[in-house]
């Protein structure tokens, strides 16, 4: 790398790091470094003379420095910055002219006139042929929004990108056409695939919305669905609470049986008998109630055709049909789905009886927790009284 290229690199890096508005999420130092990297890749292939390579690398480092003065006419401003800097470091005037011409060649819609201009334009737009294109172009979308230049949603931006691929952007060098164009084509296919998928989703959503508007029962269906889900969730909570009580009391009784009761045959521990009995009794009662709260009730599991015709049976609850034959149950379901009123009646009954079961569970659980709490308090008091008045003499 020549001394002029090295100085230019340091100058451009400092300028784009410290003087560039942070709103430039795309046209920043990272973009410039990518352009330089791809310029070198093209130079490795074309083997230009040393002076031409130097001019291209210097132009690559300086081509976007004009953004430090704003986005409008940034190429012209970049040329002014480049000219001032290069003259200061003693770069030859004719070479400065070549560098500024190359910077102007990066202007949008410009058609390159020679190989050097083609190389720089391809390096500047190399992201079109890169696997990270979608991520890179997203930075450009955000930059335009932050600068107040344009505000695209995802769908609009995708369409703009497809338009750019198909009608504007192209690679000029043979190397780029051979090595970068296939990835560019793949990126275009990906964009079109996403657009097609979005259209299909929009079409389905439109059908859904139409169905939703045309279906007067949708609100009723949602009501039953949410309410049934809430009932089942509350039932799970009740069962969990009962299992907690069962586990706690089982541990308490195990500890008492293994550690406390064997000590009661000693006369000096006689004061522990009544507190222990109270403790165990309350624990046993709590366990029994917890079991009762979760114990299922099994119904007859049969119904007649008359019950179905008279809409007296709820076909949605397994307890009403678990003893029936499959053909009889299939017939009953066919009768059910023919009658919308019967369906809603069955769902209403299901909700009602689920509510009764929940009421029973929670009433028993409330009683169980109350007894468990009283038992704990009473046991502690009994142990304290027994130890205070009847415990071993110290």
Protein backbone atom coordinates (compact mmCIF):
# COMPACT_ATOMS: atom_id res chain seq x y z
CA UNK A 1 0.00 0.00 0.00
CA UNK A 2 1.40 3.40 -1.03
CA UNK A 3 2.06 6.16 1.45
CA UNK A 4 -0.75 8.26 -0.08
CA UNK A 5 -3.28 5.43 0.30
CA UNK A 6 -2.28 4.91 3.94
CA UNK A 7 -2.67 8.63 4.72
CA UNK A 8 -6.03 8.67 2.95
CA UNK A 9 -7.21 5.67 4.96
CA UNK A 10 -6.32 7.41 8.25
CA UNK A 11 -7.97 10.67 7.11
CA UNK A 12 -11.20 9.00 5.92
CA UNK A 13 -11.45 6.79 9.02
CA UNK A 14 -11.07 9.80 11.33
CA UNK A 15 -13.53 11.89 9.32
CA UNK A 16 -16.25 9.23 9.11
CA UNK A 17 -15.81 8.29 12.77
CA UNK A 18 -15.86 11.76 14.31
CA UNK A 19 -17.59 14.08 11.82
CA UNK A 20 -20.39 11.93 10.38
CA UNK A 21 -23.93 12.25 11.73
CA UNK A 22 -24.80 8.98 13.58
CA UNK A 23 -28.09 8.89 11.67
CA UNK A 24 -26.11 7.60 8.67
CA UNK A 25 -26.56 3.90 9.45
CA UNK A 26 -25.63 2.81 5.92
CA UNK A 27 -23.35 5.46 4.42
CA UNK A 28 -20.73 5.24 7.16
CA UNK A 29 -17.23 3.90 7.80
CA UNK A 30 -18.42 0.29 7.63
CA UNK A 31 -19.79 0.85 4.11
CA UNK A 32 -16.57 2.57 3.03
CA UNK A 33 -14.46 -0.30 4.34
CA UNK A 34 -16.65 -2.74 2.42
CA UNK A 35 -16.18 -0.72 -0.79
CA UNK A 36 -12.39 -0.67 -0.28
CA UNK A 37 -12.35 -4.41 0.34
CA UNK A 38 -14.30 -5.14 -2.85
CA UNK A 39 -12.20 -2.69 -4.84
CA UNK A 40 -9.12 -4.66 -3.82
CA UNK A 41 -10.85 -7.89 -4.85
CA UNK A 42 -11.47 -6.46 -8.32
CA UNK A 43 -7.92 -5.08 -8.54
CA UNK A 44 -6.51 -8.51 -7.74
CA UNK A 45 -8.28 -9.76 -10.85
CA UNK A 46 -7.61 -6.93 -13.30
CA UNK A 47 -3.94 -6.22 -12.43
CA UNK A 48 -3.88 -2.50 -13.25
CA UNK A 49 -0.74 -0.41 -13.04
CA UNK A 50 0.38 0.94 -9.68
CA UNK A 51 -0.85 4.49 -10.30
CA UNK A 52 -4.35 3.37 -11.33
CA UNK A 53 -4.63 1.06 -8.31
CA UNK A 54 -3.57 3.93 -6.05
CA UNK A 55 -6.18 6.26 -7.56
CA UNK A 56 -8.94 3.67 -7.17
CA UNK A 57 -8.10 2.92 -3.54
CA UNK A 58 -7.90 6.61 -2.65
CA UNK A 59 -11.27 7.23 -4.36
CA UNK A 60 -12.76 4.25 -2.51
CA UNK A 61 -11.75 5.71 0.84
CA UNK A 62 -12.97 9.23 0.00
CA UNK A 63 -16.08 8.60 -2.13
CA UNK A 64 -18.59 9.04 0.73
CA UNK A 65 -16.80 11.66 2.85
CA UNK A 66 -19.21 14.25 1.44
CA UNK A 67 -21.91 12.85 3.73
CA UNK A 68 -20.14 14.59 6.61
CA UNK A 69 -21.50 17.82 5.07
CA UNK A 70 -25.02 16.46 4.52
CA UNK A 71 -26.75 14.13 2.06
CA UNK A 72 -27.44 16.63 -0.72
CA UNK A 73 -24.82 16.72 -3.51
CA UNK A 74 -22.55 14.60 -1.36
CA UNK A 75 -20.45 13.55 -4.36
CA UNK A 76 -19.54 17.17 -5.18
CA UNK A 77 -18.82 17.86 -1.51
CA UNK A 78 -16.76 14.69 -1.33
CA UNK A 79 -14.73 15.87 -4.31
CA UNK A 80 -14.06 19.18 -2.56
CA UNK A 81 -12.92 17.38 0.60
CA UNK A 82 -10.76 14.98 -1.43
CA UNK A 83 -9.17 17.79 -3.47
CA UNK A 84 -8.29 19.84 -0.39
CA UNK A 85 -6.87 16.85 1.48
CA UNK A 86 -4.88 15.41 -1.42
CA UNK A 87 -3.29 18.76 -2.32
CA UNK A 88 -2.32 19.21 1.34
CA UNK A 89 -0.46 15.90 1.40
CA UNK A 90 1.33 16.69 -1.86
CA UNK A 91 -0.62 14.48 -4.26
CA UNK A 92 -0.10 15.40 -7.92
CA UNK A 93 -2.79 17.67 -9.40
CA UNK A 94 -3.49 15.41 -12.41
CA UNK A 95 -3.95 12.45 -10.07
CA UNK A 96 -6.27 14.50 -7.87
CA UNK A 97 -8.41 15.12 -10.97
CA UNK A 98 -8.56 11.37 -11.66
CA UNK A 99 -9.66 10.69 -8.05
CA UNK A 100 -12.43 13.32 -8.13
CA UNK A 101 -13.64 11.97 -11.49
CA UNK A 102 -13.86 8.52 -9.95
CA UNK A 103 -15.82 9.88 -6.98
CA UNK A 104 -18.28 11.54 -9.36
CA UNK A 105 -18.65 8.19 -11.15
CA UNK A 106 -20.42 6.84 -8.04
CA UNK A 107 -23.29 9.29 -8.60
CA UNK A 108 -26.65 7.57 -9.11
CA UNK A 109 -27.63 6.87 -12.75
CA UNK A 110 -24.10 7.61 -13.97
CA UNK A 111 -22.87 5.34 -16.77
CA UNK A 112 -19.15 4.53 -16.32
CA UNK A 113 -16.88 5.36 -19.26
CA UNK A 114 -13.77 3.31 -18.47
CA UNK A 115 -12.62 0.28 -16.50
CA UNK A 116 -11.62 2.27 -13.40
CA UNK A 117 -15.07 3.82 -13.14
CA UNK A 118 -16.69 0.42 -13.67
CA UNK A 119 -14.58 -1.09 -10.90
CA UNK A 120 -15.51 1.61 -8.39
CA UNK A 121 -19.22 1.51 -9.26
CA UNK A 122 -19.28 -2.29 -8.90
CA UNK A 123 -17.43 -2.10 -5.59
CA UNK A 124 -19.86 0.58 -4.35
CA UNK A 125 -22.89 -1.61 -5.15
CA UNK A 126 -21.30 -4.95 -4.29
CA UNK A 127 -23.79 -5.49 -1.45
CA UNK A 128 -26.40 -6.43 -4.07
CA UNK A 129 -24.35 -9.56 -4.71
CA UNK A 130 -23.70 -10.36 -1.06
CA UNK A 131 -25.43 -12.89 1.19
CA UNK A 132 -25.95 -10.15 3.82
CA UNK A 133 -27.87 -7.93 1.40
CA UNK A 134 -31.18 -7.99 3.31
CA UNK A 135 -29.49 -6.90 6.52
CA UNK A 136 -27.49 -4.20 4.76
CA UNK A 137 -30.45 -2.71 2.92
CA UNK A 138 -32.40 -2.57 6.18
CA UNK A 139 -29.77 -0.15 7.49
CA UNK A 140 -30.39 2.05 4.45
CA UNK A 141 -34.17 2.02 5.10
CA UNK A 142 -33.62 3.10 8.70
CA UNK A 143 -31.15 5.79 7.59
CA UNK A 144 -33.66 7.31 5.18
CA UNK A 145 -36.29 7.40 7.94
CA UNK A 146 -33.94 8.99 10.49
CA UNK A 147 -32.88 11.67 8.01
CA UNK A 148 -36.50 12.40 7.11
CA UNK A 149 -35.92 11.57 3.44
CA UNK A 150 -38.38 8.68 3.12
CA UNK A 151 -40.36 6.42 5.40
CA UNK A 152 -41.02 2.97 3.94
CA UNK A 153 -42.74 0.06 5.66
CA UNK A 154 -41.37 -3.43 5.10
CA UNK A 155 -43.64 -4.15 2.14
CA UNK A 156 -42.94 -0.83 0.40
CA UNK A 157 -39.20 -1.19 0.94
CA UNK A 158 -39.25 -4.69 -0.51
CA UNK A 159 -40.99 -3.38 -3.63
CA UNK A 160 -38.45 -0.55 -3.93
CA UNK A 161 -35.62 -3.06 -3.72
CA UNK A 162 -37.16 -5.30 -6.37
CA UNK A 163 -37.58 -2.26 -8.62
CA UNK A 164 -33.92 -1.34 -8.05
CA UNK A 165 -32.79 -4.90 -8.89
CA UNK A 166 -34.82 -5.12 -12.08
CA UNK A 167 -34.59 -1.65 -13.61
CA UNK A 168 -31.57 0.21 -12.27
CA UNK A 169 -28.69 -1.65 -10.63
CA UNK A 170 -26.27 -3.63 -12.77
CA UNK A 171 -22.69 -4.86 -12.56
CA UNK A 172 -20.32 -3.52 -15.21
CA UNK A 173 -17.15 -5.60 -14.84
CA UNK A 174 -16.86 -9.16 -16.11
CA UNK A 175 -15.57 -10.27 -12.71
CA UNK A 176 -18.62 -8.90 -10.86
CA UNK A 177 -20.99 -10.38 -13.42
CA UNK A 178 -19.39 -13.78 -12.98
CA UNK A 179 -18.90 -13.83 -9.20
CA UNK A 180 -21.48 -11.42 -7.71
CA UNK A 181 -24.37 -11.60 -10.18
CA UNK A 182 -25.45 -15.17 -9.13
CA UNK A 183 -25.83 -14.06 -5.50
CA UNK A 184 -27.65 -10.93 -6.65
CA UNK A 185 -30.09 -13.13 -8.62
CA UNK A 186 -30.60 -15.26 -5.51
CA UNK A 187 -31.34 -12.15 -3.42
CA UNK A 188 -33.89 -11.00 -6.00
CA UNK A 189 -35.59 -14.39 -5.92
CA UNK A 190 -35.74 -14.21 -2.13
CA UNK A 191 -37.36 -10.77 -2.26
CA UNK A 192 -39.94 -11.92 -4.80
CA UNK A 193 -40.66 -15.03 -2.74
CA UNK A 194 -41.27 -12.87 0.34
CA UNK A 195 -43.56 -10.58 -1.67
CA UNK A 196 -45.54 -13.55 -2.95
CA UNK A 197 -45.84 -15.00 0.56
CA UNK A 198 -47.00 -11.62 1.87
CA UNK A 199 -49.68 -11.42 -0.83
CA UNK A 200 -50.92 -14.92 0.02
CA UNK A 201 -51.06 -14.06 3.72
CA UNK A 202 -52.92 -10.82 2.94
CA UNK A 203 -55.37 -12.79 0.81
CA UNK A 204 -55.97 -15.29 3.61
CA UNK A 205 -56.37 -12.48 6.14
CA UNK A 206 -58.89 -10.85 3.83
CA UNK A 207 -60.89 -14.08 3.64
CA UNK A 208 -60.69 -14.42 7.41
CA UNK A 209 -61.87 -10.86 7.92
CA UNK A 210 -64.73 -11.40 5.50
CA UNK A 211 -65.71 -14.61 7.28
CA UNK A 212 -65.43 -12.88 10.63
CA UNK A 213 -67.76 -10.09 9.50
CA UNK A 214 -70.22 -12.50 7.95
CA UNK A 215 -70.31 -14.84 10.97
CA UNK A 216 -72.66 -13.52 13.69
CA UNK A 217 -71.71 -16.47 15.95
CA UNK A 218 -68.02 -15.68 16.20
CA UNK A 219 -68.39 -13.63 19.37
CA UNK A 220 -70.43 -16.41 20.97
CA UNK A 221 -67.81 -19.00 20.01
CA UNK A 222 -65.08 -16.85 21.53
CA UNK A 223 -67.13 -16.46 24.70
CA UNK A 224 -67.49 -20.22 25.15
CA UNK A 225 -63.86 -20.89 24.21
CA UNK A 226 -62.41 -18.36 26.66
CA UNK A 227 -64.78 -19.29 29.47
CA UNK A 228 -64.13 -23.02 29.11
CA UNK A 229 -60.38 -22.36 29.06
CA UNK A 230 -60.68 -20.27 32.24
CA UNK A 231 -62.70 -23.00 33.96
CA UNK A 232 -60.10 -25.63 33.08
CA UNK A 233 -57.29 -23.36 34.26
CA UNK A 234 -59.02 -22.80 37.59
CA UNK A 235 -59.56 -26.56 37.92
CA UNK A 236 -55.83 -27.15 37.34
CA UNK A 237 -55.01 -24.54 39.99
CA UNK A 238 -57.34 -26.23 42.48
CA UNK A 239 -55.76 -29.63 41.81
CA UNK A 240 -52.28 -28.13 42.23
CA UNK A 241 -53.25 -26.59 45.58
CA UNK A 242 -54.70 -29.91 46.75
CA UNK A 243 -51.53 -31.74 45.70
CA UNK A 244 -49.42 -29.25 47.64
CA UNK A 245 -51.45 -29.92 50.78
CA UNK A 246 -51.22 -33.67 50.25
CA UNK A 247 -47.45 -33.50 49.85
CA UNK A 248 -46.91 -31.22 52.86
CA UNK A 249 -49.10 -33.28 55.17
CA UNK A 250 -47.57 -36.54 53.96
CA UNK A 251 -44.12 -35.18 54.84
CA UNK A 252 -45.37 -33.99 58.25
CA UNK A 253 -46.89 -37.37 59.11
CA UNK A 254 -43.77 -39.20 57.89
CA UNK A 255 -41.54 -37.03 60.08
CA UNK A 256 -43.83 -37.47 63.11
CA UNK A 257 -44.04 -41.25 62.69
CA UNK A 258 -40.30 -41.68 62.25
CA UNK A 259 -38.94 -39.18 64.77
CA UNK A 260 -41.54 -38.11 67.34
CA UNK A 261 -43.81 -41.09 68.07
CA UNK A 262 -40.95 -43.53 68.93
CA UNK A 263 -39.99 -41.13 71.76
CA UNK A 264 -43.45 -41.15 73.38
CA UNK A 265 -42.89 -44.49 75.18
CA UNK A 266 -40.40 -42.71 77.39
CA UNK A 267 -42.25 -41.43 80.54
CA UNK A 268 -40.19 -38.24 80.48
CA UNK A 269 -41.74 -37.36 77.10
CA UNK A 270 -45.34 -37.86 78.19
CA UNK A 271 -46.05 -34.17 77.79
CA UNK A 272 -45.62 -34.59 74.01
CA UNK A 273 -48.51 -37.06 73.57
CA UNK A 274 -51.41 -34.61 73.30
CA UNK A 275 -49.59 -32.09 71.08
CA UNK A 276 -48.51 -34.94 68.81
CA UNK A 277 -52.04 -36.34 68.58
CA UNK A 278 -53.40 -32.86 67.72
CA UNK A 279 -50.69 -32.37 65.12
CA UNK A 280 -51.30 -35.75 63.44
CA UNK A 281 -55.09 -35.50 63.55
CA UNK A 282 -55.19 -32.13 61.85
CA UNK A 283 -52.72 -33.36 59.22
CA UNK A 284 -54.81 -36.47 58.53
CA UNK A 285 -58.01 -34.42 58.26
CA UNK A 286 -56.27 -32.02 55.85
CA UNK A 287 -55.11 -34.95 53.70
CA UNK A 288 -58.59 -36.48 53.61
CA UNK A 289 -60.17 -33.18 52.54
CA UNK A 290 -57.48 -32.62 49.89
CA UNK A 291 -58.22 -36.07 48.46
CA UNK A 292 -61.96 -35.32 48.47
CA UNK A 293 -61.32 -32.07 46.60
CA UNK A 294 -59.62 -33.90 43.74
CA UNK A 295 -61.56 -37.17 43.76
CA UNK A 296 -63.53 -37.49 40.51
CA UNK A 297 -67.23 -38.34 40.40
CA UNK A 298 -68.10 -40.94 37.77
CA UNK A 299 -71.60 -40.80 36.27
CA UNK A 300 -73.62 -43.54 34.61
CA UNK A 301 -71.99 -43.04 31.19
CA UNK A 302 -75.13 -43.92 29.21
CA UNK A 303 -78.00 -42.10 27.56
CA UNK A 304 -80.96 -43.03 25.38
CA UNK A 305 -82.04 -41.80 21.97
CA UNK A 306 -84.99 -40.13 23.63
CA UNK A 307 -82.56 -38.12 25.77
CA UNK A 308 -80.82 -36.90 22.62
CA UNK A 309 -84.06 -36.06 20.81
CA UNK A 310 -85.32 -34.18 23.86
CA UNK A 311 -81.92 -32.45 24.30
CA UNK A 312 -81.59 -33.70 27.86
CA UNK A 313 -78.05 -35.03 27.65
CA UNK A 314 -74.75 -33.17 27.36
CA UNK A 315 -72.76 -35.07 24.72
CA UNK A 316 -69.63 -33.01 25.39
CA UNK A 317 -68.96 -34.51 28.83
CA UNK A 318 -67.26 -37.93 28.80
CA UNK A 319 -69.13 -39.04 31.91
CA UNK A 320 -72.36 -39.13 29.91
CA UNK A 321 -71.16 -41.45 27.13
CA UNK A 322 -68.16 -43.53 28.27
CA UNK A 323 -70.27 -46.72 28.39
CA UNK A 324 -71.96 -46.14 25.03
CA UNK A 325 -71.02 -47.94 21.82
CA UNK A 326 -69.23 -45.96 19.13
CA UNK A 327 -72.08 -46.15 16.55
CA UNK A 328 -74.58 -44.81 19.11
CA UNK A 329 -72.29 -41.97 20.09
CA UNK A 330 -71.57 -41.10 16.42
CA UNK A 331 -75.31 -40.96 15.76
CA UNK A 332 -75.80 -38.68 18.75
CA UNK A 333 -73.04 -36.32 17.62
CA UNK A 334 -74.59 -36.14 14.14
CA UNK A 335 -77.87 -35.12 15.74
CA UNK A 336 -76.04 -32.55 17.84
CA UNK A 337 -74.26 -30.80 14.95
CA UNK A 338 -77.50 -30.50 13.00
CA UNK A 339 -78.96 -28.25 15.69
CA UNK A 340 -77.10 -25.05 16.54
CA UNK A 341 -79.34 -24.44 19.54
CA UNK A 342 -78.52 -27.91 20.88
CA UNK A 343 -74.79 -27.18 20.50
CA UNK A 344 -75.04 -23.98 22.51
CA UNK A 345 -77.24 -25.68 25.08
CA UNK A 346 -74.66 -28.44 25.51
CA UNK A 347 -71.84 -25.92 25.85
CA UNK A 348 -73.88 -23.98 28.40
CA UNK A 349 -74.49 -27.13 30.41
CA UNK A 350 -70.82 -27.98 30.21
CA UNK A 351 -69.92 -24.55 31.59
CA UNK A 352 -72.55 -24.79 34.30
CA UNK A 353 -71.52 -28.19 35.60
CA UNK A 354 -67.85 -27.29 35.40
CA UNK A 355 -68.71 -24.31 37.55
CA UNK A 356 -70.44 -26.56 40.09
CA UNK A 357 -67.37 -28.82 40.23
CA UNK A 358 -65.12 -25.79 40.70
CA UNK A 359 -67.38 -24.48 43.46
CA UNK A 360 -67.16 -27.81 45.28
CA UNK A 361 -63.39 -28.02 44.84
CA UNK A 362 -62.70 -24.50 46.07
CA UNK A 363 -65.09 -24.80 49.03
CA UNK A 364 -63.36 -27.99 50.15
CA UNK A 365 -59.95 -26.45 49.54
CA UNK A 366 -60.85 -23.38 51.59
CA UNK A 367 -61.99 -25.64 54.43
CA UNK A 368 -58.82 -27.74 54.05
CA UNK A 369 -56.48 -24.75 54.22
CA UNK A 370 -58.42 -23.37 57.20
CA UNK A 371 -58.16 -26.68 59.09
CA UNK A 372 -54.49 -27.01 58.19
CA UNK A 373 -53.80 -23.49 59.45
CA UNK A 374 -55.76 -24.08 62.69
CA UNK A 375 -53.98 -27.39 63.16
CA UNK A 376 -50.54 -25.83 62.80
CA UNK A 377 -51.39 -23.04 65.25
CA UNK A 378 -53.07 -25.39 67.73
CA UNK A 379 -50.15 -27.84 67.54
CA UNK A 380 -47.56 -25.17 68.16
CA UNK A 381 -49.57 -23.84 71.15
CA UNK A 382 -50.01 -27.36 72.50
CA UNK A 383 -46.28 -28.10 72.23
CA UNK A 384 -45.47 -24.78 73.90
CA UNK A 385 -47.93 -25.36 76.78
CA UNK A 386 -46.82 -28.96 77.22
CA UNK A 387 -43.17 -28.01 77.31
CA UNK A 388 -43.80 -25.09 79.67
CA UNK A 389 -45.94 -26.88 82.27
CA UNK A 390 -45.29 -30.57 81.82
CA UNK A 391 -41.86 -30.69 80.24
CA UNK A 392 -38.72 -32.10 81.87
CA UNK A 393 -37.51 -30.30 84.96
CA UNK A 394 -34.29 -28.43 84.29
